[in-house]
Amino acid sequence: MTTALRSTRLLNVVNDYERVLVVTHDNPDPDAIASGWGVCWLIQEKLGKPARLIGGGVIVRAENRHMVKLLAPPIELTDVLEVDERTATVLVDCSSTMSNHLLSECGIQPIAVIDHHQIESPRPRVAFRDIRPRVAASATIVASYLKEQHLVPPSGLATAMLYGIHTETQGSETHYTPLDRRIVTWLVKFADPGKLAEIENAPLTREYFSDLVLALQSAFIYDEAVICFLPRAAGPETVGEVADLLSRCEGVQKVLCGAVVADELFVSVRTGRDGGNAAELVRKMLDGIGLSGGHEHRAGGKIRLPHATLAGGQLTDELHNRWLSACGGDRQRGTHLVARRDIVKNLTSHIDIAKTCPTGATTINGG
C-alpha cells in the first residue's frame, strides 16, 4: 500500500469544502505571501475551487512592498474575517498555537497547517498538518506540492517563492536541506531574475535614512548584545533593517531594535550562530505585554500601545531590562555603538563643510 503524497492529502482535505481561505501570519513577509499564493494556485488549478489569500496588519519593509507591487500576488490585508462551515481554512507559515494571525483572534481552528517554524507542544488536532522545522522556508514546502502535482508555476509565483526562500536564509539562517536545494534549482527555471534584482533594490524614502542615522546614534553595546530604541519611526521596515545591519557588527551575537510606529511598538531580534534562539529571546521579553514569533536567529514582535500595561519611557525601560536579563547582560556596562565624541565631531565637520561648499557644487564623474 503506497502512502499518498502530502499535496494529494491536502487536496483531499479541502475538497470537502466549497471554498478555501488561506491565512498568513500578521504583517506577512515574502515567505508567507509566496507560500499562501502557492496554496491558492494549487487548489484553483487542481480542484477548480475559489481560494482567497488574506493576512492581518500591514506589509512592512520596502522590498516586501515592492515585491507585491511588481508580482501582484492575490493577497488581501484585512482585520475582518468571515468564515462559515462551507469554508476550509488553511494556515500557512505560522503555527496554530501562535496568536499572531487572524484565525487566532477570531477563535477559529484551521483544518490545515503548513509551516516551517519550530513549535511547542501540545499541537491542536487538525485534518492536515505539514510542519518541517528543518526546511528553510514554507515556500519550499508549497513549491514541492506544485512539483508533486506536475504543475509549472507562473513566472510571478515562481519569482515570489524564490525570493521568499532567499529572505528566510539571510543572516545566520543559512541552512538549506536537500529539498530546499532541489526546489531552488527547479524554481530558477521559471522565475524572472530581472524582477528579483528589482525587488532586492527597492527604493527607500528619505525618512528611512533619517531613521537610520538616529538608530545608529541610539544604539548601545553590552558585551555581545546590542539594543537600540527609536522613539518614533516612519515605518516598521526600519526596525528589521536596522536589526539586520547591527547584527553585522563585529563581536555582536544578539541584537534588539525597537521603534514606535503609529500606535504600536515593533521589535526585531537577531542572533548570531552562538547567540541563542532569537524566537525564545523575544518571547521572554514580550511575555504578557505583546505578540511574537520567528526563527532561531531572526524573530520579531509588537506591542499595541493602547493596551500596554506600561507607557512611554516606562515601557522601553522595562523592555531594556527584560532584554538584558534574557541575554545575561549588565546594564552598567553599556557603551554607545558610535561614541558621543564621534557624533559631535561628525556634526561639527558637517557644519564646516556646509559653510565652505558652494551651493551649486557638482559631483565628480563616477563618484
Protein backbone atom coordinates (compact mmCIF):
# COMPACT_ATOMS: atom_id res chain seq x y z
CA MET A 1 0.00 0.00 0.00
CA THR A 2 1.52 3.30 -1.12
CA THR A 3 1.27 6.43 1.01
CA ALA A 4 -0.49 9.38 -0.65
CA LEU A 5 1.61 12.43 -1.48
CA ARG A 6 1.34 15.25 1.03
CA SER A 7 -0.03 17.53 -1.67
CA THR A 8 -2.70 14.96 -2.54
CA ARG A 9 -3.71 14.62 1.12
CA LEU A 10 -4.07 18.41 1.39
CA LEU A 11 -6.23 18.49 -1.73
CA ASN A 12 -8.40 15.65 -0.40
CA VAL A 13 -8.99 17.53 2.87
CA VAL A 14 -10.04 20.84 1.30
CA ASN A 15 -12.06 19.14 -1.43
CA ASP A 16 -14.87 18.54 1.08
CA TYR A 17 -15.49 22.31 1.24
CA GLU A 18 -16.97 24.78 -1.24
CA ARG A 19 -14.28 27.42 -0.87
CA VAL A 20 -10.88 27.88 0.74
CA LEU A 21 -9.45 30.69 2.86
CA VAL A 22 -5.65 30.70 3.10
CA VAL A 23 -4.40 32.74 6.06
CA THR A 24 -0.86 34.00 6.79
CA HIS A 25 0.59 35.40 9.99
CA ASP A 26 0.05 39.11 10.65
CA ASN A 27 2.27 41.54 8.74
CA PRO A 28 3.01 38.85 6.11
CA ASP A 29 6.57 38.56 4.84
CA PRO A 30 7.68 37.27 1.41
CA ASP A 31 7.72 33.62 2.53
CA ALA A 32 4.17 33.85 3.91
CA ILE A 33 2.89 35.66 0.82
CA ALA A 34 4.58 33.28 -1.62
CA SER A 35 3.56 30.08 0.18
CA GLY A 36 -0.03 31.30 0.61
CA TRP A 37 -0.19 32.27 -3.05
CA GLY A 38 1.13 28.83 -3.99
CA VAL A 39 -1.54 27.03 -1.95
CA CYS A 40 -4.30 29.14 -3.54
CA TRP A 41 -2.99 28.45 -7.03
CA LEU A 42 -2.64 24.72 -6.34
CA ILE A 43 -6.26 24.49 -5.16
CA GLN A 44 -7.60 26.51 -8.06
CA GLU A 45 -5.65 24.52 -10.64
CA LYS A 46 -6.35 21.02 -9.28
CA LEU A 47 -9.82 21.43 -7.73
CA GLY A 48 -11.28 24.44 -9.52
CA LYS A 49 -12.41 25.86 -6.18
CA PRO A 50 -12.25 29.57 -5.25
CA ALA A 51 -9.38 30.31 -2.86
CA ARG A 52 -8.56 33.62 -1.17
CA LEU A 53 -5.29 34.65 0.47
CA ILE A 54 -5.60 37.00 3.44
CA GLY A 55 -3.44 38.39 6.24
CA GLY A 56 -3.75 40.89 9.05
CA GLY A 57 -1.74 44.02 9.69
CA VAL A 58 0.44 45.63 7.04
CA ILE A 59 3.25 44.58 4.72
CA VAL A 60 6.49 46.01 6.10
CA ARG A 61 9.93 46.59 4.55
CA ALA A 62 10.39 48.36 1.25
CA GLU A 63 11.45 45.15 -0.52
CA ASN A 64 8.30 43.33 0.55
CA ARG A 65 6.02 46.12 -0.66
CA HIS A 66 7.98 46.32 -3.91
CA MET A 67 7.55 42.56 -4.37
CA VAL A 68 3.79 42.95 -4.04
CA LYS A 69 3.79 45.86 -6.49
CA LEU A 70 5.85 44.02 -9.12
CA LEU A 71 4.43 40.49 -8.83
CA ALA A 72 0.83 41.28 -7.79
CA PRO A 73 0.15 38.29 -5.52
CA PRO A 74 -3.58 38.00 -4.70
CA ILE A 75 -3.17 38.87 -1.02
CA GLU A 76 -5.83 40.82 0.88
CA LEU A 77 -4.98 42.64 4.10
CA THR A 78 -7.92 42.89 6.48
CA ASP A 79 -8.91 42.84 10.12
CA VAL A 80 -12.31 41.27 9.39
CA LEU A 81 -12.67 37.51 8.98
CA GLU A 82 -15.87 35.82 7.84
CA VAL A 83 -15.88 32.03 7.84
CA ASP A 84 -18.76 29.56 7.63
CA GLU A 85 -18.96 25.77 7.73
CA ARG A 86 -18.51 25.54 3.96
CA THR A 87 -15.14 27.32 4.06
CA ALA A 88 -11.85 25.46 4.56
CA THR A 89 -9.23 27.47 6.47
CA VAL A 90 -5.56 26.81 5.74
CA LEU A 91 -2.89 28.47 7.89
CA VAL A 92 0.49 28.99 6.17
CA ASP A 93 3.91 29.99 7.50
CA CYS A 94 2.51 30.14 11.02
CA SER A 95 1.66 27.73 13.83
CA SER A 96 -1.92 27.34 15.02
CA THR A 97 -0.55 27.63 18.58
CA MET A 98 0.59 31.21 17.93
CA SER A 99 -1.62 34.25 18.41
CA ASN A 100 -0.30 36.44 15.59
CA HIS A 101 -2.85 35.52 12.92
CA LEU A 102 -6.48 36.33 12.16
CA LEU A 103 -7.80 32.83 12.87
CA SER A 104 -6.48 33.01 16.43
CA GLU A 105 -8.04 36.42 17.01
CA CYS A 106 -11.42 35.04 15.88
CA GLY A 107 -11.11 31.76 17.79
CA ILE A 108 -11.14 29.65 14.61
CA GLN A 109 -9.18 26.39 14.38
CA PRO A 110 -7.73 25.79 10.88
CA ILE A 111 -8.31 22.49 9.13
CA ALA A 112 -4.79 22.54 7.68
CA VAL A 113 -1.43 23.98 8.79
CA ILE A 114 1.68 24.34 6.59
CA ASP A 115 4.72 25.77 8.33
CA HIS A 116 8.47 25.56 8.85
CA HIS A 117 8.73 27.16 12.31
CA GLN A 118 9.61 25.17 15.41
CA ILE A 119 6.55 24.99 17.69
CA GLU A 120 5.92 23.88 21.20
CA SER A 121 3.63 21.01 22.21
CA PRO A 122 0.82 20.26 22.57
CA ARG A 123 -0.28 20.66 18.98
CA PRO A 124 -4.04 21.02 18.35
CA ARG A 125 -5.54 18.31 16.16
CA VAL A 126 -6.08 19.36 12.56
CA ALA A 127 -7.13 17.37 9.49
CA PHE A 128 -3.86 18.12 7.67
CA ARG A 129 -0.53 19.18 9.14
CA ASP A 130 2.81 19.63 7.38
CA ILE A 131 5.34 21.24 9.72
CA ARG A 132 9.02 20.85 8.84
CA PRO A 133 11.29 23.00 11.05
CA ARG A 134 14.46 21.86 9.27
CA VAL A 135 13.26 23.19 5.90
CA ALA A 136 14.41 26.74 5.17
CA ALA A 137 11.05 28.20 4.10
CA SER A 138 7.35 27.45 3.88
CA ALA A 139 7.64 28.39 0.20
CA THR A 140 9.89 25.35 -0.25
CA ILE A 141 7.19 23.07 1.15
CA VAL A 142 4.42 24.55 -1.02
CA ALA A 143 6.61 24.57 -4.14
CA SER A 144 7.23 20.86 -3.55
CA TYR A 145 3.44 20.37 -3.68
CA LEU A 146 3.33 22.00 -7.13
CA LYS A 147 6.20 19.82 -8.31
CA GLU A 148 4.48 16.68 -6.94
CA GLN A 149 1.32 17.60 -8.85
CA HIS A 150 3.30 18.26 -12.07
CA LEU A 151 2.26 21.92 -12.11
CA VAL A 152 4.51 24.58 -13.62
CA PRO A 153 4.14 27.80 -11.60
CA PRO A 154 3.63 31.06 -13.49
CA SER A 155 6.63 33.36 -13.55
CA GLY A 156 5.30 35.73 -10.87
CA LEU A 157 4.60 32.92 -8.41
CA ALA A 158 7.94 31.22 -9.06
CA THR A 159 9.75 34.54 -8.53
CA ALA A 160 7.87 35.18 -5.28
CA MET A 161 8.70 31.69 -3.99
CA LEU A 162 12.36 32.05 -4.86
CA TYR A 163 12.51 35.43 -3.13
CA GLY A 164 10.65 34.03 -0.11
CA ILE A 165 13.26 31.29 0.28
CA HIS A 166 16.04 33.86 -0.14
CA THR A 167 14.70 36.08 2.65
CA GLU A 168 14.43 33.12 5.03
CA THR A 169 18.11 32.24 4.59
CA GLN A 170 19.72 35.57 5.48
CA GLY A 171 21.94 36.38 8.44
CA SER A 172 22.68 33.20 10.40
CA GLU A 173 19.63 31.38 8.92
CA THR A 174 21.73 29.89 6.14
CA HIS A 175 20.79 26.22 6.33
CA TYR A 176 19.49 24.51 3.21
CA THR A 177 18.10 20.98 3.26
CA PRO A 178 18.37 18.78 0.16
CA LEU A 179 14.70 19.63 -0.52
CA ASP A 180 15.45 23.37 -0.43
CA ARG A 181 18.28 22.90 -2.92
CA ARG A 182 16.13 20.87 -5.30
CA ILE A 183 13.28 23.35 -5.14
CA VAL A 184 15.53 26.39 -5.68
CA THR A 185 17.04 24.71 -8.76
CA TRP A 186 13.54 23.92 -10.03
CA LEU A 187 12.10 27.40 -9.42
CA VAL A 188 15.00 29.16 -11.13
CA LYS A 189 13.76 27.73 -14.45
CA PHE A 190 10.50 29.71 -14.18
CA ALA A 191 11.40 32.82 -12.14
CA ASP A 192 12.19 36.26 -13.55
CA PRO A 193 15.77 37.21 -12.49
CA GLY A 194 15.24 40.82 -13.53
CA LYS A 195 12.31 41.24 -11.16
CA LEU A 196 14.24 39.50 -8.39
CA ALA A 197 17.03 42.08 -8.74
CA GLU A 198 14.48 44.89 -8.81
CA ILE A 199 12.84 43.67 -5.59
CA GLU A 200 16.17 43.46 -3.77
CA ASN A 201 16.96 47.06 -4.75
CA ALA A 202 13.62 48.59 -3.77
CA PRO A 203 13.61 52.40 -3.43
CA LEU A 204 13.80 53.82 0.11
CA THR A 205 12.25 57.04 1.38
CA ARG A 206 14.32 59.92 2.74
CA GLU A 207 12.62 59.38 6.10
CA TYR A 208 14.17 55.90 6.20
CA PHE A 209 17.68 57.34 6.08
CA SER A 210 16.81 59.85 8.79
CA ASP A 211 15.62 56.96 10.98
CA LEU A 212 18.81 55.04 10.19
CA VAL A 213 21.06 57.89 11.36
CA LEU A 214 19.11 58.22 14.60
CA ALA A 215 19.22 54.46 15.15
CA LEU A 216 23.00 54.28 14.84
CA GLN A 217 23.36 57.15 17.27
CA SER A 218 20.94 55.49 19.72
CA ALA A 219 22.48 52.01 19.73
CA PHE A 220 24.21 50.69 22.85
CA ILE A 221 26.50 47.68 23.18
CA TYR A 222 26.50 45.44 26.26
CA ASP A 223 29.29 42.88 25.75
CA GLU A 224 27.95 40.77 22.83
CA ALA A 225 24.44 42.28 22.90
CA VAL A 226 23.16 45.44 21.19
CA ILE A 227 19.99 47.37 21.99
CA CYS A 228 18.51 50.24 20.01
CA PHE A 229 15.20 52.01 20.64
CA LEU A 230 13.76 54.77 18.48
CA PRO A 231 11.02 57.00 19.92
CA ARG A 232 9.33 57.00 16.53
CA ALA A 233 9.99 55.64 13.02
CA ALA A 234 8.47 56.43 9.62
CA GLY A 235 7.65 52.75 9.05
CA PRO A 236 8.10 49.33 10.68
CA GLU A 237 10.59 48.30 7.97
CA THR A 238 13.19 50.44 9.75
CA VAL A 239 13.16 48.12 12.75
CA GLY A 240 14.06 44.94 10.89
CA GLU A 241 16.59 46.58 8.60
CA VAL A 242 18.41 48.28 11.49
CA ALA A 243 18.49 44.94 13.33
CA ASP A 244 19.96 43.28 10.23
CA LEU A 245 22.63 45.97 9.95
CA LEU A 246 23.59 45.93 13.64
CA SER A 247 23.86 42.13 13.60
CA ARG A 248 26.80 42.52 11.22
CA CYS A 249 28.81 44.46 13.83
CA GLU A 250 31.98 42.56 14.70
CA GLY A 251 31.72 40.71 18.01
CA VAL A 252 27.93 41.11 18.29
CA GLN A 253 25.81 37.98 18.83
CA LYS A 254 22.43 39.42 19.95
CA VAL A 255 20.56 42.45 18.63
CA LEU A 256 17.33 44.10 19.71
CA CYS A 257 15.86 47.01 17.78
CA GLY A 258 12.54 48.66 18.58
CA ALA A 259 10.56 51.66 17.37
CA VAL A 260 7.11 53.13 17.75
CA VAL A 261 5.11 53.26 14.50
CA ALA A 262 1.63 54.77 14.76
CA ASP A 263 0.10 53.15 17.87
CA GLU A 264 2.32 50.06 18.01
CA LEU A 265 5.84 49.33 19.19
CA PHE A 266 7.63 46.96 16.81
CA VAL A 267 10.70 44.96 17.82
CA SER A 268 13.13 42.83 15.85
CA VAL A 269 15.68 40.42 17.29
CA ARG A 270 18.69 38.90 15.57
CA THR A 271 21.17 36.39 16.94
CA GLY A 272 24.46 35.05 15.61
CA ARG A 273 25.39 31.40 15.46
CA ASP A 274 26.44 31.50 19.12
CA GLY A 275 23.77 33.98 20.23
CA GLY A 276 21.00 31.60 21.19
CA ASN A 277 17.42 31.32 19.96
CA ALA A 278 16.01 34.66 18.78
CA ALA A 279 12.38 33.48 18.90
CA GLU A 280 12.80 32.38 22.51
CA LEU A 281 14.51 35.65 23.48
CA VAL A 282 11.73 37.81 22.04
CA ARG A 283 9.06 35.56 23.56
CA LYS A 284 10.55 36.03 27.03
CA MET A 285 10.92 39.77 26.51
CA LEU A 286 7.31 40.30 25.38
CA ASP A 287 5.70 37.79 27.72
CA GLY A 288 2.40 39.22 28.94
CA ILE A 289 2.66 42.51 27.02
CA GLY A 290 2.93 41.68 23.32
CA LEU A 291 2.90 39.17 20.47
CA SER A 292 5.97 37.50 18.99
CA GLY A 293 7.20 34.85 16.58
CA GLY A 294 10.11 33.93 14.38
CA HIS A 295 13.07 31.68 13.76
CA GLU A 296 16.16 30.53 15.59
CA HIS A 297 18.20 33.56 14.52
CA ARG A 298 15.56 36.05 13.26
CA ALA A 299 12.43 36.98 15.18
CA GLY A 300 10.16 39.89 15.97
CA GLY A 301 7.07 41.08 17.75
CA LYS A 302 4.87 44.03 18.55
CA ILE A 303 3.05 45.71 21.40
CA ARG A 304 -0.21 47.54 20.88
CA LEU A 305 0.42 50.69 22.86
CA PRO A 306 -3.18 51.48 23.88
CA HIS A 307 -3.30 48.07 25.56
CA ALA A 308 0.20 48.06 27.05
CA THR A 309 0.46 47.81 30.82
CA LEU A 310 3.34 50.29 30.72
CA ALA A 311 3.53 53.53 28.77
CA GLY A 312 6.12 55.84 27.27
CA GLY A 313 9.64 55.63 28.70
CA GLN A 314 8.50 53.09 31.29
CA LEU A 315 7.75 50.57 28.54
CA THR A 316 11.10 50.90 26.77
CA ASP A 317 12.87 50.81 30.14
CA GLU A 318 11.04 47.59 31.02
CA LEU A 319 11.93 46.05 27.64
CA HIS A 320 15.53 47.21 28.10
CA ASN A 321 15.73 45.37 31.44
CA ARG A 322 13.98 42.27 30.10
CA TRP A 323 16.33 42.11 27.11
CA LEU A 324 19.48 42.36 29.21
CA SER A 325 18.09 39.83 31.67
CA ALA A 326 17.37 37.38 28.83
CA CYS A 327 20.84 37.98 27.35
CA GLY A 328 22.65 37.87 30.69
CA GLY A 329 23.99 41.40 30.16
CA ASP A 330 24.98 44.05 32.71
CA ARG A 331 23.17 47.36 32.24
CA GLN A 332 26.02 49.25 33.91
CA ARG A 333 28.48 48.18 31.20
CA GLY A 334 26.69 49.65 28.18
CA THR A 335 28.54 51.90 25.74
CA HIS A 336 27.43 53.85 22.67
CA LEU A 337 27.94 52.00 19.38
CA VAL A 338 29.09 55.36 17.99
CA ALA A 339 30.89 57.34 20.70
CA ARG A 340 29.38 60.69 21.65
CA ARG A 341 32.61 62.47 20.78
CA ASP A 342 32.45 61.00 17.26
CA ILE A 343 28.80 62.09 16.88
CA VAL A 344 29.72 65.66 17.90
CA LYS A 345 32.80 65.59 15.68
CA ASN A 346 30.76 64.43 12.69
CA LEU A 347 28.14 67.12 13.25
CA THR A 348 30.82 69.80 13.53
CA SER A 349 32.51 68.56 10.36
CA HIS A 350 29.18 68.61 8.52
CA ILE A 351 28.56 72.24 9.55
CA ASP A 352 32.07 73.27 8.43
CA ILE A 353 31.60 71.56 5.04
CA ALA A 354 28.22 73.24 4.56
CA LYS A 355 29.78 76.65 5.20
CA THR A 356 32.63 76.16 2.72
CA CYS A 357 30.84 74.18 -0.01
CA PRO A 358 29.23 76.30 -2.78
CA THR A 359 25.51 75.66 -3.23
CA GLY A 360 25.94 74.83 -6.90
CA ALA A 361 28.77 72.30 -6.43
CA THR A 362 28.69 69.26 -8.69
CA THR A 363 29.88 65.72 -8.06
CA ILE A 364 32.94 64.16 -9.63
CA ASN A 365 32.14 61.83 -12.53
CA GLY A 366 31.54 58.32 -11.27
CA GLY A 367 31.68 59.46 -7.62
